[in-house]
Amino acid sequence: MGSNKSKKPQMLLCILLIIVGLVMACGNFIPNDYIKFGVTLVSLCVGVFGAFNALGQSGNTNEETK
């Protein structure tokens, strides 16, 4: 049985994580370029993966009820 929980908080968290990744990529918060690249890449990948995951799960509730 699927629950009808809203994925809006998860989606907002993912969007916030993507924005933080973009700010870190453009800013000088981390002086080492390699560490900045790694942290930025991880935050962007986790944010995009979470956003796709939240969007994909919202369509599964319709298929389960059929």
PDB file of N, CA and C in Angstrom:
ATOM      1  N   MET A   1       0.842  -1.176   0.000  1.00  0.00           N
ATOM      2  CA  MET A   1       0.000   0.000   0.000  1.00  0.00           C
ATOM      3  C   MET A   1       0.891   1.245   0.000  1.00  0.00           C
ATOM      4  N   GLY A   2       0.661   2.080  -0.937  1.00  0.00           N
ATOM      5  CA  GLY A   2       1.453   3.302  -1.024  1.00  0.00           C
ATOM      6  C   GLY A   2       0.827   4.413  -0.204  1.00  0.00           C
ATOM      7  N   SER A   3       1.663   5.182   0.429  1.00  0.00           N
ATOM      8  CA  SER A   3       1.159   6.326   1.187  1.00  0.00           C
ATOM      9  C   SER A   3       1.212   7.565   0.304  1.00  0.00           C
ATOM     10  N   ASN A   4       0.334   8.487   0.560  1.00  0.00           N
ATOM     11  CA  ASN A   4       0.243   9.707  -0.249  1.00  0.00           C
ATOM     12  C   ASN A   4       1.005  10.854   0.409  1.00  0.00           C
ATOM     13  N   LYS A   5       2.221  10.587   0.835  1.00  0.00           N
ATOM     14  CA  LYS A   5       3.031  11.642   1.443  1.00  0.00           C
ATOM     15  C   LYS A   5       3.545  12.585   0.366  1.00  0.00           C
ATOM     16  N   SER A   6       3.624  13.841   0.711  1.00  0.00           N
ATOM     17  CA  SER A   6       4.112  14.845  -0.219  1.00  0.00           C
ATOM     18  C   SER A   6       5.635  14.799  -0.273  1.00  0.00           C
ATOM     19  N   LYS A   7       6.162  14.898  -1.440  1.00  0.00           N
ATOM     20  CA  LYS A   7       7.610  14.907  -1.648  1.00  0.00           C
ATOM     21  C   LYS A   7       8.147  16.334  -1.760  1.00  0.00           C
ATOM     22  N   LYS A   8       7.325  17.313  -1.396  1.00  0.00           N
ATOM     23  CA  LYS A   8       7.728  18.706  -1.517  1.00  0.00           C
ATOM     24  C   LYS A   8       8.927  19.048  -0.621  1.00  0.00           C
ATOM     25  N   PRO A   9       8.981  18.618   0.654  1.00  0.00           N
ATOM     26  CA  PRO A   9      10.170  18.946   1.460  1.00  0.00           C
ATOM     27  C   PRO A   9      11.448  18.333   0.904  1.00  0.00           C
ATOM     28  N   GLN A  10      11.365  17.110   0.386  1.00  0.00           N
ATOM     29  CA  GLN A  10      12.543  16.483  -0.199  1.00  0.00           C
ATOM     30  C   GLN A  10      12.985  17.238  -1.449  1.00  0.00           C
ATOM     31  N   MET A  11      12.030  17.678  -2.241  1.00  0.00           N
ATOM     32  CA  MET A  11      12.349  18.416  -3.462  1.00  0.00           C
ATOM     33  C   MET A  11      12.988  19.764  -3.123  1.00  0.00           C
ATOM     34  N   LEU A  12      12.465  20.457  -2.116  1.00  0.00           N
ATOM     35  CA  LEU A  12      13.039  21.744  -1.712  1.00  0.00           C
ATOM     36  C   LEU A  12      14.454  21.571  -1.169  1.00  0.00           C
ATOM     37  N   LEU A  13      14.684  20.492  -0.435  1.00  0.00           N
ATOM     38  CA  LEU A  13      16.024  20.224   0.074  1.00  0.00           C
ATOM     39  C   LEU A  13      17.003  19.963  -1.068  1.00  0.00           C
ATOM     40  N   CYS A  14      16.572  19.245  -2.069  1.00  0.00           N
ATOM     41  CA  CYS A  14      17.435  18.974  -3.218  1.00  0.00           C
ATOM     42  C   CYS A  14      17.740  20.250  -3.999  1.00  0.00           C
ATOM     43  N   ILE A  15      16.745  21.094  -4.177  1.00  0.00           N
ATOM     44  CA  ILE A  15      16.977  22.369  -4.871  1.00  0.00           C
ATOM     45  C   ILE A  15      17.930  23.242  -4.074  1.00  0.00           C
ATOM     46  N   LEU A  16      17.779  23.254  -2.759  1.00  0.00           N
ATOM     47  CA  LEU A  16      18.697  24.009  -1.906  1.00  0.00           C
ATOM     48  C   LEU A  16      20.116  23.468  -2.014  1.00  0.00           C
ATOM     49  N   LEU A  17      20.255  22.146  -2.076  1.00  0.00           N
ATOM     50  CA  LEU A  17      21.579  21.538  -2.209  1.00  0.00           C
ATOM     51  C   LEU A  17      22.207  21.883  -3.554  1.00  0.00           C
ATOM     52  N   ILE A  18      21.423  21.940  -4.611  1.00  0.00           N
ATOM     53  CA  ILE A  18      21.932  22.333  -5.927  1.00  0.00           C
ATOM     54  C   ILE A  18      22.401  23.786  -5.903  1.00  0.00           C
ATOM     55  N   ILE A  19      21.626  24.659  -5.264  1.00  0.00           N
ATOM     56  CA  ILE A  19      22.014  26.074  -5.174  1.00  0.00           C
ATOM     57  C   ILE A  19      23.293  26.237  -4.365  1.00  0.00           C
ATOM     58  N   VAL A  20      23.417  25.490  -3.273  1.00  0.00           N
ATOM     59  CA  VAL A  20      24.650  25.547  -2.473  1.00  0.00           C
ATOM     60  C   VAL A  20      25.841  25.071  -3.299  1.00  0.00           C
ATOM     61  N   GLY A  21      25.656  24.033  -4.088  1.00  0.00           N
ATOM     62  CA  GLY A  21      26.733  23.556  -4.959  1.00  0.00           C
ATOM     63  C   GLY A  21      27.157  24.592  -5.976  1.00  0.00           C
ATOM     64  N   LEU A  22      26.192  25.293  -6.546  1.00  0.00           N
ATOM     65  CA  LEU A  22      26.523  26.342  -7.520  1.00  0.00           C
ATOM     66  C   LEU A  22      27.232  27.523  -6.862  1.00  0.00           C
ATOM     67  N   VAL A  23      26.804  27.894  -5.660  1.00  0.00           N
ATOM     68  CA  VAL A  23      27.466  28.991  -4.950  1.00  0.00           C
ATOM     69  C   VAL A  23      28.888  28.604  -4.583  1.00  0.00           C
ATOM     70  N   MET A  24      29.084  27.359  -4.154  1.00  0.00           N
ATOM     71  CA  MET A  24      30.432  26.911  -3.813  1.00  0.00           C
ATOM     72  C   MET A  24      31.326  26.857  -5.040  1.00  0.00           C
ATOM     73  N   ALA A  25      30.763  26.536  -6.198  1.00  0.00           N
ATOM     74  CA  ALA A  25      31.570  26.478  -7.421  1.00  0.00           C
ATOM     75  C   ALA A  25      32.020  27.871  -7.851  1.00  0.00           C
ATOM     76  N   CYS A  26      31.175  28.868  -7.621  1.00  0.00           N
ATOM     77  CA  CYS A  26      31.499  30.225  -8.070  1.00  0.00           C
ATOM     78  C   CYS A  26      32.233  31.045  -7.016  1.00  0.00           C
ATOM     79  N   GLY A  27      32.169  30.648  -5.768  1.00  0.00           N
ATOM     80  CA  GLY A  27      32.772  31.428  -4.689  1.00  0.00           C
ATOM     81  C   GLY A  27      34.174  30.970  -4.345  1.00  0.00           C
ATOM     82  N   ASN A  28      34.776  31.687  -3.441  1.00  0.00           N
ATOM     83  CA  ASN A  28      36.122  31.359  -2.965  1.00  0.00           C
ATOM     84  C   ASN A  28      36.099  30.905  -1.513  1.00  0.00           C
ATOM     85  N   PHE A  29      35.102  30.121  -1.143  1.00  0.00           N
ATOM     86  CA  PHE A  29      34.989  29.643   0.228  1.00  0.00           C
ATOM     87  C   PHE A  29      36.036  28.584   0.548  1.00  0.00           C
ATOM     88  N   ILE A  30      36.383  27.769  -0.448  1.00  0.00           N
ATOM     89  CA  ILE A  30      37.405  26.732  -0.290  1.00  0.00           C
ATOM     90  C   ILE A  30      38.591  27.136  -1.166  1.00  0.00           C
ATOM     91  N   PRO A  31      39.760  27.350  -0.569  1.00  0.00           N
ATOM     92  CA  PRO A  31      40.888  27.855  -1.365  1.00  0.00           C
ATOM     93  C   PRO A  31      41.482  26.820  -2.329  1.00  0.00           C
ATOM     94  N   ASN A  32      41.447  25.538  -1.981  1.00  0.00           N
ATOM     95  CA  ASN A  32      42.032  24.517  -2.841  1.00  0.00           C
ATOM     96  C   ASN A  32      41.044  24.164  -3.963  1.00  0.00           C
ATOM     97  N   ASP A  33      41.496  24.266  -5.201  1.00  0.00           N
ATOM     98  CA  ASP A  33      40.609  24.051  -6.345  1.00  0.00           C
ATOM     99  C   ASP A  33      40.143  22.602  -6.457  1.00  0.00           C
ATOM    100  N   TYR A  34      41.013  21.646  -6.132  1.00  0.00           N
ATOM    101  CA  TYR A  34      40.642  20.245  -6.268  1.00  0.00           C
ATOM    102  C   TYR A  34      39.594  19.844  -5.233  1.00  0.00           C
ATOM    103  N   ILE A  35      39.749  20.326  -4.021  1.00  0.00           N
ATOM    104  CA  ILE A  35      38.755  20.040  -2.979  1.00  0.00           C
ATOM    105  C   ILE A  35      37.444  20.737  -3.314  1.00  0.00           C
ATOM    106  N   LYS A  36      37.525  21.972  -3.806  1.00  0.00           N
ATOM    107  CA  LYS A  36      36.318  22.704  -4.194  1.00  0.00           C
ATOM    108  C   LYS A  36      35.588  21.968  -5.314  1.00  0.00           C
ATOM    109  N   PHE A  37      36.327  21.454  -6.281  1.00  0.00           N
ATOM    110  CA  PHE A  37      35.715  20.708  -7.374  1.00  0.00           C
ATOM    111  C   PHE A  37      35.031  19.443  -6.860  1.00  0.00           C
ATOM    112  N   GLY A  38      35.688  18.728  -5.968  1.00  0.00           N
ATOM    113  CA  GLY A  38      35.113  17.496  -5.430  1.00  0.00           C
ATOM    114  C   GLY A  38      33.857  17.738  -4.618  1.00  0.00           C
ATOM    115  N   VAL A  39      33.900  18.724  -3.727  1.00  0.00           N
ATOM    116  CA  VAL A  39      32.743  19.034  -2.886  1.00  0.00           C
ATOM    117  C   VAL A  39      31.585  19.544  -3.739  1.00  0.00           C
ATOM    118  N   THR A  40      31.884  20.380  -4.706  1.00  0.00           N
ATOM    119  CA  THR A  40      30.845  20.913  -5.585  1.00  0.00           C
ATOM    120  C   THR A  40      30.221  19.806  -6.428  1.00  0.00           C
ATOM    121  N   LEU A  41      31.040  18.930  -6.975  1.00  0.00           N
ATOM    122  CA  LEU A  41      30.537  17.841  -7.798  1.00  0.00           C
ATOM    123  C   LEU A  41      29.649  16.903  -6.994  1.00  0.00           C
ATOM    124  N   VAL A  42      30.056  16.586  -5.775  1.00  0.00           N
ATOM    125  CA  VAL A  42      29.255  15.698  -4.928  1.00  0.00           C
ATOM    126  C   VAL A  42      27.922  16.357  -4.570  1.00  0.00           C
ATOM    127  N   SER A  43      27.941  17.622  -4.185  1.00  0.00           N
ATOM    128  CA  SER A  43      26.688  18.277  -3.804  1.00  0.00           C
ATOM    129  C   SER A  43      25.737  18.411  -4.981  1.00  0.00           C
ATOM    130  N   LEU A  44      26.257  18.705  -6.163  1.00  0.00           N
ATOM    131  CA  LEU A  44      25.391  18.799  -7.340  1.00  0.00           C
ATOM    132  C   LEU A  44      24.825  17.441  -7.737  1.00  0.00           C
ATOM    133  N   CYS A  45      25.642  16.400  -7.685  1.00  0.00           N
ATOM    134  CA  CYS A  45      25.154  15.066  -8.049  1.00  0.00           C
ATOM    135  C   CYS A  45      24.100  14.569  -7.074  1.00  0.00           C
ATOM    136  N   VAL A  46      24.322  14.770  -5.776  1.00  0.00           N
ATOM    137  CA  VAL A  46      23.338  14.346  -4.786  1.00  0.00           C
ATOM    138  C   VAL A  46      22.051  15.139  -4.942  1.00  0.00           C
ATOM    139  N   GLY A  47      22.158  16.425  -5.209  1.00  0.00           N
ATOM    140  CA  GLY A  47      20.969  17.253  -5.399  1.00  0.00           C
ATOM    141  C   GLY A  47      20.164  16.861  -6.616  1.00  0.00           C
ATOM    142  N   VAL A  48      20.834  16.627  -7.736  1.00  0.00           N
ATOM    143  CA  VAL A  48      20.131  16.236  -8.958  1.00  0.00           C
ATOM    144  C   VAL A  48      19.540  14.834  -8.812  1.00  0.00           C
ATOM    145  N   PHE A  49      20.291  13.913  -8.214  1.00  0.00           N
ATOM    146  CA  PHE A  49      19.774  12.562  -8.009  1.00  0.00           C
ATOM    147  C   PHE A  49      18.554  12.582  -7.092  1.00  0.00           C
ATOM    148  N   GLY A  50      18.609  13.368  -6.046  1.00  0.00           N
ATOM    149  CA  GLY A  50      17.462  13.472  -5.143  1.00  0.00           C
ATOM    150  C   GLY A  50      16.250  14.096  -5.801  1.00  0.00           C
ATOM    151  N   ALA A  51      16.475  15.088  -6.647  1.00  0.00           N
ATOM    152  CA  ALA A  51      15.357  15.723  -7.352  1.00  0.00           C
ATOM    153  C   ALA A  51      14.708  14.740  -8.322  1.00  0.00           C
ATOM    154  N   PHE A  52      15.519  14.004  -9.078  1.00  0.00           N
ATOM    155  CA  PHE A  52      14.954  13.006  -9.985  1.00  0.00           C
ATOM    156  C   PHE A  52      14.240  11.902  -9.214  1.00  0.00           C
ATOM    157  N   ASN A  53      14.792  11.523  -8.078  1.00  0.00           N
ATOM    158  CA  ASN A  53      14.183  10.492  -7.255  1.00  0.00           C
ATOM    159  C   ASN A  53      12.824  10.969  -6.714  1.00  0.00           C
ATOM    160  N   ALA A  54      12.755  12.200  -6.262  1.00  0.00           N
ATOM    161  CA  ALA A  54      11.493  12.741  -5.738  1.00  0.00           C
ATOM    162  C   ALA A  54      10.458  12.876  -6.844  1.00  0.00           C
ATOM    163  N   LEU A  55      10.882  13.282  -8.032  1.00  0.00           N
ATOM    164  CA  LEU A  55       9.945  13.401  -9.144  1.00  0.00           C
ATOM    165  C   LEU A  55       9.480  12.034  -9.643  1.00  0.00           C
ATOM    166  N   GLY A  56      10.368  11.050  -9.617  1.00  0.00           N
ATOM    167  CA  GLY A  56      10.010   9.718 -10.081  1.00  0.00           C
ATOM    168  C   GLY A  56       9.061   9.005  -9.136  1.00  0.00           C
ATOM    169  N   GLN A  57       9.174   9.244  -7.840  1.00  0.00           N
ATOM    170  CA  GLN A  57       8.315   8.567  -6.877  1.00  0.00           C
ATOM    171  C   GLN A  57       6.914   9.143  -6.867  1.00  0.00           C
ATOM    172  N   SER A  58       6.727  10.351  -7.316  1.00  0.00           N
ATOM    173  CA  SER A  58       5.389  10.941  -7.299  1.00  0.00           C
ATOM    174  C   SER A  58       4.482  10.267  -8.319  1.00  0.00           C
ATOM    175  N   GLY A  59       5.032   9.687  -9.381  1.00  0.00           N
ATOM    176  CA  GLY A  59       4.221   9.025 -10.389  1.00  0.00           C
ATOM    177  C   GLY A  59       3.908   7.578 -10.058  1.00  0.00           C
ATOM    178  N   ASN A  60       4.598   6.984  -9.094  1.00  0.00           N
ATOM    179  CA  ASN A  60       4.392   5.589  -8.767  1.00  0.00           C
ATOM    180  C   ASN A  60       3.085   5.339  -8.033  1.00  0.00           C
ATOM    181  N   THR A  61       2.529   6.328  -7.357  1.00  0.00           N
ATOM    182  CA  THR A  61       1.302   6.120  -6.586  1.00  0.00           C
ATOM    183  C   THR A  61       0.124   5.851  -7.515  1.00  0.00           C
ATOM    184  N   ASN A  62       0.119   6.424  -8.718  1.00  0.00           N
ATOM    185  CA  ASN A  62      -0.964   6.181  -9.662  1.00  0.00           C
ATOM    186  C   ASN A  62      -0.927   4.766 -10.216  1.00  0.00           C
ATOM    187  N   GLU A  63       0.282   4.226 -10.422  1.00  0.00           N
ATOM    188  CA  GLU A  63       0.404   2.884 -10.963  1.00  0.00           C
ATOM    189  C   GLU A  63       0.031   1.823  -9.934  1.00  0.00           C
ATOM    190  N   GLU A  64       0.260   2.091  -8.641  1.00  0.00           N
ATOM    191  CA  GLU A  64      -0.031   1.115  -7.610  1.00  0.00           C
ATOM    192  C   GLU A  64      -1.520   0.970  -7.372  1.00  0.00           C
ATOM    193  N   THR A  65      -2.297   1.986  -7.624  1.00  0.00           N
ATOM    194  CA  THR A  65      -3.735   1.927  -7.360  1.00  0.00           C
ATOM    195  C   THR A  65      -4.487   1.170  -8.444  1.00  0.00           C
ATOM    196  N   LYS A  66      -3.865   0.957  -9.601  1.00  0.00           N
ATOM    197  CA  LYS A  66      -4.563   0.263 -10.711  1.00  0.00           C
ATOM    198  C   LYS A  66      -4.555  -1.229 -10.515  1.00  0.00           C
TER     199      LYS A  66
END
